[in-house]
C-alpha cells in the first residue's frame, strides 16, 4: 500500500508510505510500536482503506458503506511515522529474539552430551 492505511477486523494493520516503507502487524503490536492505538473501526465495518488525501472507504462485506473524514488527520499522522514504526517493529522483534530461552533439545541423549 502506497501512502495509505488498511485496517481490518482480522486484527491486521498495514501502513505504507512508499514502495520501500511498508509496516504490517497486529493492532496490539502497532499500539506498542506507535505508542497509542488507532481508532477502532465503526460498528458494522470490516475494513478501512485510507489513501492519503484520496479516499477513506469504510467497507463491510466487500461493499463500501461509508466514507471517513477527508483528510483523516489521524491517518495522515500515522503514515508520516511509517519509518519509525518499521524501526520500532524491528527493535521489538530483535529484543524478543534475544530474550528467547535456549532450547533444551541438545541434539542427542544426555549420555552423548555428558561423554562428549
Protein backbone atom coordinates (compact mmCIF):
# COMPACT_ATOMS: atom_id res chain seq x y z
CA UNK A 1 0.00 0.00 0.00
CA UNK A 2 1.41 3.34 -1.02
CA UNK A 3 0.61 6.36 1.15
CA UNK A 4 -2.19 4.66 2.95
CA UNK A 5 -3.60 2.54 5.72
CA UNK A 6 -5.57 -0.66 5.64
CA UNK A 7 -7.22 -1.82 8.87
CA UNK A 8 -9.39 -4.91 9.19
CA UNK A 9 -11.32 -6.95 11.72
CA UNK A 10 -8.73 -9.73 11.42
CA UNK A 11 -6.56 -7.63 13.75
CA UNK A 12 -4.13 -6.58 11.00
CA UNK A 13 -2.95 -3.08 10.18
CA UNK A 14 -0.93 -2.17 7.10
CA UNK A 15 0.69 1.26 6.74
CA UNK A 16 2.62 2.30 3.67
CA UNK A 17 4.38 5.48 2.65
CA UNK A 18 6.19 4.31 -0.49
CA UNK A 19 7.40 1.06 -2.07
CA UNK A 20 10.30 0.81 0.39
CA UNK A 21 8.33 1.64 3.55
CA UNK A 22 5.65 -0.88 4.46
CA UNK A 23 4.60 -1.73 8.02
CA UNK A 24 2.32 -4.72 8.66
CA UNK A 25 1.46 -6.06 12.11
CA UNK A 26 -1.33 -6.75 14.59
CA UNK A 27 -3.24 -3.89 16.15
CA UNK A 28 -1.73 -4.80 19.53
CA UNK A 29 1.83 -4.62 18.20
CA UNK A 30 1.00 -1.37 16.39
CA UNK A 31 -0.06 0.10 19.74
CA UNK A 32 3.32 -0.85 21.20
CA UNK A 33 5.31 0.42 18.20
CA UNK A 34 3.32 3.65 17.82
CA UNK A 35 2.73 4.34 21.49
CA UNK A 36 -1.04 4.62 21.06
CA UNK A 37 -3.93 2.77 19.47
CA UNK A 38 -5.54 3.55 16.14
CA UNK A 39 -9.24 4.41 16.22
CA UNK A 40 -11.43 1.33 16.22
CA UNK A 41 -13.46 0.51 13.16
CA UNK A 42 -17.05 1.78 13.40
CA UNK A 43 -19.67 -0.82 14.29
CA UNK A 44 -20.58 -3.00 11.30
CA UNK A 45 -17.45 -2.04 9.35
CA UNK A 46 -14.99 -4.84 8.50
CA UNK A 47 -12.33 -2.90 6.59
CA UNK A 48 -10.95 0.63 6.40
CA UNK A 49 -8.96 1.68 3.34
CA UNK A 50 -7.42 5.13 3.52
CA UNK A 51 -5.26 6.59 0.79
CA UNK A 52 -3.56 9.83 1.76
CA UNK A 53 -5.94 12.64 0.76
CA UNK A 54 -7.53 10.43 -1.95
CA UNK A 55 -10.15 8.22 -0.29
CA UNK A 56 -11.28 6.95 3.08
CA UNK A 57 -13.53 3.96 2.46
CA UNK A 58 -15.37 2.13 5.24
CA UNK A 59 -16.27 -1.31 3.94
CA UNK A 60 -18.47 -4.20 5.08
CA UNK A 61 -18.81 -7.47 3.18
CA UNK A 62 -16.92 -6.09 0.17
CA UNK A 63 -19.27 -3.11 -0.18
CA UNK A 64 -18.31 0.48 0.57
CA UNK A 65 -20.88 1.62 3.10
CA UNK A 66 -19.49 4.98 4.11
CA UNK A 67 -16.57 7.31 3.93
CA UNK A 68 -14.46 8.55 6.79
CA UNK A 69 -13.21 12.11 7.22
CA UNK A 70 -11.13 13.58 4.42
CA UNK A 71 -8.43 14.35 5.04
CA UNK A 72 -8.09 11.99 8.00
CA UNK A 73 -5.65 13.69 10.40
CA UNK A 74 -5.06 10.51 12.45
CA UNK A 75 -4.30 8.52 9.30
CA UNK A 76 -2.01 11.19 7.88
CA UNK A 77 -0.09 11.33 11.16
CA UNK A 78 0.33 7.54 11.21
CA UNK A 79 1.51 7.45 7.59
CA UNK A 80 4.07 10.16 8.42
CA UNK A 81 5.55 7.87 11.10
CA UNK A 82 5.85 4.71 8.99
CA UNK A 83 9.67 4.67 9.08
CA UNK A 84 9.71 4.96 12.88
CA UNK A 85 7.02 2.24 13.05
CA UNK A 86 9.26 -0.06 11.00
CA UNK A 87 12.27 0.75 13.22
CA UNK A 88 10.26 0.11 16.40
CA UNK A 89 8.92 -3.15 14.97
CA UNK A 90 12.43 -4.31 14.05
CA UNK A 91 13.74 -3.43 17.52
CA UNK A 92 10.82 -5.21 19.21
CA UNK A 93 11.37 -8.36 17.14
CA UNK A 94 15.14 -8.29 17.75
CA UNK A 95 14.59 -7.91 21.51
CA UNK A 96 12.15 -10.82 21.52
CA UNK A 97 14.65 -12.98 19.62
CA UNK A 98 17.45 -12.03 22.03
CA UNK A 99 15.28 -12.91 25.02
CA UNK A 100 14.35 -16.37 23.77
CA UNK A 101 15.42 -19.08 26.15
CA UNK A 102 17.84 -21.63 24.69
CA UNK A 103 16.25 -24.85 23.61
CA UNK A 104 16.54 -27.81 25.95
CA UNK A 105 16.99 -30.09 22.95
CA UNK A 106 20.75 -30.64 22.82
CA UNK A 107 20.62 -32.74 19.72
CA UNK A 108 21.35 -36.02 21.45
CA UNK A 109 20.82 -38.08 24.54
CA UNK A 110 22.04 -36.96 27.96
CA UNK A 111 24.64 -39.73 27.80
CA UNK A 112 26.01 -38.41 24.49
CA UNK A 113 26.22 -34.86 25.81
CA UNK A 114 27.98 -35.89 29.04
CA UNK A 115 30.50 -38.16 27.35
CA UNK A 116 31.48 -35.77 24.59
